[in-house]
Protein backbone atom coordinates (compact mmCIF):
# COMPACT_ATOMS: atom_id res chain seq x y z
CA MET A 1 -0.05 -0.01 -0.02
CA PHE A 2 1.20 3.55 -0.66
CA THR A 3 0.04 7.12 0.27
CA GLY A 4 0.46 9.07 -2.93
CA ILE A 5 3.25 11.13 -1.48
CA ILE A 6 6.06 11.03 -3.98
CA GLU A 7 9.45 10.45 -2.58
CA GLU A 8 11.65 10.85 -5.67
CA ILE A 9 11.66 11.52 -9.41
CA GLY A 10 13.37 8.55 -11.08
CA GLU A 11 14.72 8.06 -14.60
CA VAL A 12 14.08 5.15 -16.90
CA LEU A 13 17.46 3.96 -17.85
CA ALA A 14 16.38 1.07 -20.27
CA ILE A 15 13.36 -0.66 -21.66
CA GLU A 16 13.36 -4.13 -23.02
CA GLN A 17 10.24 -4.76 -25.07
CA GLU A 18 9.01 -8.30 -25.21
CA GLN A 19 6.13 -9.84 -27.29
CA ASP A 20 3.52 -9.02 -24.54
CA SER A 21 5.59 -7.55 -21.67
CA ALA A 22 8.42 -5.14 -21.00
CA ARG A 23 11.28 -5.06 -18.60
CA LEU A 24 12.18 -1.73 -17.12
CA THR A 25 15.31 -0.52 -15.58
CA ILE A 26 14.95 2.62 -13.46
CA ARG A 27 17.37 4.89 -11.52
CA GLY A 28 16.03 5.75 -8.08
CA PRO A 29 18.64 5.80 -5.33
CA LEU A 30 16.19 6.56 -2.55
CA ALA A 31 13.50 4.19 -3.82
CA CYS A 32 15.77 1.32 -3.85
CA SER A 33 17.96 2.16 -0.92
CA ASP A 34 16.27 -0.28 1.42
CA ALA A 35 14.59 -2.43 -1.32
CA GLN A 36 15.16 -6.19 -1.65
CA LEU A 37 14.36 -8.50 -4.49
CA GLY A 38 10.48 -8.94 -4.37
CA SER A 39 9.93 -5.55 -2.78
CA SER A 40 7.16 -3.21 -4.17
CA ILE A 41 7.86 0.22 -5.58
CA ALA A 42 5.21 2.40 -7.09
CA VAL A 43 6.33 3.67 -10.63
CA ASN A 44 4.08 6.55 -11.72
CA GLY A 45 1.43 5.03 -9.48
CA THR A 46 1.84 1.39 -10.66
CA CYS A 47 2.91 -1.12 -8.12
CA LEU A 48 5.85 -3.01 -9.61
CA THR A 49 7.99 -5.80 -8.08
CA VAL A 50 11.76 -5.40 -7.87
CA THR A 51 13.44 -8.17 -9.74
CA ASP A 52 17.03 -6.71 -9.99
CA LEU A 53 18.97 -4.38 -7.88
CA ASP A 54 22.11 -2.48 -8.73
CA GLU A 55 23.91 0.68 -7.45
CA GLY A 56 20.96 3.05 -7.19
CA SER A 57 18.81 1.44 -9.81
CA PHE A 58 16.23 -1.41 -9.95
CA GLY A 59 14.63 -3.56 -12.52
CA CYS A 60 11.00 -4.66 -12.92
CA ASP A 61 8.85 -6.67 -15.15
CA VAL A 62 5.62 -5.25 -16.60
CA MET A 63 3.03 -7.74 -17.90
CA ALA A 64 0.55 -7.42 -20.71
CA GLU A 65 -2.40 -6.30 -18.43
CA THR A 66 -0.26 -3.56 -16.84
CA LEU A 67 0.92 -2.37 -20.26
CA HIS A 68 -2.74 -2.29 -21.44
CA ARG A 69 -4.20 -0.46 -18.52
CA THR A 70 -1.38 2.05 -17.78
CA ALA A 71 0.74 4.46 -19.73
CA LEU A 72 3.96 2.64 -18.85
CA GLY A 73 4.27 1.24 -22.38
CA ARG A 74 4.76 4.83 -23.62
CA LEU A 75 7.81 5.32 -21.48
CA VAL A 76 11.26 5.55 -23.23
CA ALA A 77 14.86 5.56 -22.09
CA GLY A 78 15.26 8.96 -20.34
CA SER A 79 11.70 9.25 -19.26
CA ARG A 80 11.21 10.73 -15.70
CA VAL A 81 8.86 8.84 -13.39
CA ASN A 82 7.40 9.29 -9.96
CA LEU A 83 8.60 6.87 -7.43
CA GLU A 84 7.31 5.80 -3.93
CA ARG A 85 8.20 3.09 -1.56
CA PRO A 86 5.32 1.18 0.28
CA VAL A 87 4.25 2.71 3.48
CA SER A 88 5.33 1.06 6.62
CA VAL A 89 3.01 0.06 9.45
CA GLY A 90 2.90 3.03 11.86
CA ASP A 91 3.94 5.65 9.32
CA ARG A 92 1.79 8.73 8.87
CA LEU A 93 -0.74 8.44 6.03
CA GLY A 94 0.05 11.82 4.35
CA GLY A 95 -1.99 11.32 1.26
CA HIS A 96 -4.77 8.79 0.98
CA ILE A 97 -4.88 5.00 0.56
CA VAL A 98 -3.29 4.22 -2.88
CA GLN A 99 -2.94 0.62 -3.92
CA GLY A 100 -0.87 1.01 -6.92
CA HIS A 101 -3.50 -0.75 -8.99
CA VAL A 102 -4.10 1.61 -11.90
CA ASP A 103 -7.58 1.82 -13.06
CA GLY A 104 -6.80 3.51 -16.48
CA VAL A 105 -5.45 6.55 -18.26
CA ALA A 106 -6.61 10.18 -18.34
CA THR A 107 -5.34 12.79 -20.84
CA LEU A 108 -4.37 16.31 -19.92
CA ILE A 109 -6.71 18.82 -21.65
CA SER A 110 -5.32 22.27 -20.21
CA ARG A 111 -3.30 23.92 -17.68
CA THR A 112 -4.54 27.20 -16.27
CA PRO A 113 -1.98 29.15 -14.11
CA GLY A 114 -3.01 30.87 -10.85
CA ASP A 115 -1.04 33.09 -8.44
CA HIS A 116 0.66 30.18 -6.65
CA TRP A 117 -0.77 27.09 -8.36
CA GLU A 118 -2.08 25.68 -11.64
CA VAL A 119 -5.23 24.01 -12.46
CA PHE A 120 -5.01 20.94 -14.44
CA ARG A 121 -8.08 19.65 -16.49
CA PHE A 122 -8.02 16.01 -17.50
CA ALA A 123 -10.35 14.07 -19.87
CA ILE A 124 -11.37 10.75 -18.30
CA PRO A 125 -13.21 7.75 -19.63
CA THR A 126 -16.77 7.44 -18.52
CA SER A 127 -15.97 4.03 -17.07
CA MET A 128 -14.02 5.89 -14.41
CA SER A 129 -15.68 9.09 -14.12
CA ARG A 130 -18.46 7.89 -11.83
CA TYR A 131 -15.88 7.42 -9.03
CA VAL A 132 -14.55 10.93 -9.28
CA VAL A 133 -16.27 13.45 -7.02
CA GLU A 134 -15.49 17.03 -6.08
CA LYS A 135 -13.22 17.20 -2.98
CA GLY A 136 -12.52 13.50 -3.32
CA SER A 137 -9.23 11.77 -3.68
CA ILE A 138 -7.48 10.62 -6.82
CA ALA A 139 -4.01 9.39 -7.65
CA LEU A 140 -2.43 10.73 -10.88
CA ASN A 141 0.99 8.99 -11.77
CA GLY A 142 0.94 7.92 -8.10
CA THR A 143 0.43 11.45 -6.70
CA SER A 144 -2.27 11.83 -4.13
CA LEU A 145 -4.52 14.84 -5.13
CA THR A 146 -7.82 16.42 -4.33
CA VAL A 147 -10.45 16.93 -7.03
CA CYS A 148 -11.53 20.45 -7.17
CA ALA A 149 -14.12 20.26 -10.04
CA VAL A 150 -15.83 17.63 -12.24
CA GLY A 151 -17.64 17.45 -15.36
CA PRO A 152 -19.22 14.67 -17.35
CA GLU A 153 -16.02 13.32 -18.75
CA TRP A 154 -13.36 15.59 -17.15
CA PHE A 155 -12.05 16.58 -13.86
CA GLU A 156 -9.66 19.28 -12.38
CA VAL A 157 -7.07 19.32 -9.76
CA SER A 158 -4.92 22.23 -8.39
CA LEU A 159 -1.18 21.79 -8.14
CA ILE A 160 0.91 23.72 -5.74
CA PRO A 161 4.50 24.64 -6.57
CA ALA A 162 5.77 21.73 -4.34
CA THR A 163 3.84 19.34 -6.40
CA LEU A 164 4.80 20.89 -9.73
CA THR A 165 8.52 20.61 -8.98
CA GLY A 166 8.56 17.51 -6.90
CA THR A 167 6.73 15.17 -9.17
CA VAL A 168 6.49 14.48 -12.96
CA LEU A 169 3.15 16.18 -13.24
CA GLY A 170 4.87 19.65 -13.62
CA ALA A 171 6.32 18.63 -16.93
CA LEU A 172 2.83 17.61 -18.49
CA ALA A 173 1.66 19.18 -21.53
CA PRO A 174 -1.84 19.02 -23.31
CA ARG A 175 -2.49 15.51 -24.68
CA ASP A 176 0.02 13.92 -22.39
CA GLU A 177 -1.42 10.85 -20.51
CA VAL A 178 -1.39 9.95 -16.85
CA ASN A 179 -2.05 6.80 -14.83
CA VAL A 180 -5.21 7.13 -12.67
CA GLU A 181 -6.17 5.23 -9.58
CA VAL A 182 -9.57 6.21 -8.35
CA ASP A 183 -10.47 6.04 -4.72
CA VAL A 184 -10.80 2.33 -3.88
CA ILE A 185 -13.54 3.14 -1.29
CA ALA A 186 -15.86 4.33 -4.11
CA LYS A 187 -15.55 1.00 -5.96
CA TYR A 188 -16.28 -1.04 -2.83
CA VAL A 189 -19.33 1.25 -1.99
CA GLU A 190 -20.51 0.66 -5.66
CA MET A 191 -20.19 -3.01 -5.44
CA LEU A 192 -21.98 -3.31 -2.08
CA VAL A 193 -24.87 -1.07 -3.25
CA CYS A 194 -25.26 -2.96 -6.43
CA LYS A 195 -25.29 -6.32 -4.71
CA GLU A 196 -28.07 -4.97 -2.34
CA SER A 197 -30.19 -3.47 -5.10
CA SER A 198 -29.29 -5.95 -7.86
CA CYS A 199 -28.24 -3.22 -10.20
């Protein structure tokens, strides 16, 4: 489990494309400082298993389902990625409960600057939009954010300078894609309500 508080911006060193999978090598000295083989690290919000460790870098395998559901397949050598280690029992939960199980991809529509922040508007598929509510939590490339406005097929978040500089979100341009994990609580509520009402 993660909190959506990004610890470090890593760099993709290499990508080996297989027929229906990929192997990533990522530089992230902090993220792999206490990692072991089999440890989990969230890469742009996607929980991946460490399969190799080297001086300040780690390797991980990305299966077909993950490539299909996330934007990891669009990464290239040199791409910057958000990294977060799993939360330890007893740590503060600074963001919200983030599983690292990406639900899909959203596309940046626009950036509107404010005095000390920027408002980002994203297009989101209708299959995910029902889980996005104003003042609710959402994870974009693994970053815990609060939704500030919603529409039928879009939502907005406001990013402060610390988020713009401390995550890869600050480098986004219109039409760029991000991994989205909606609030897991919303999905469980929907499942329980539908079971009760046979919807």
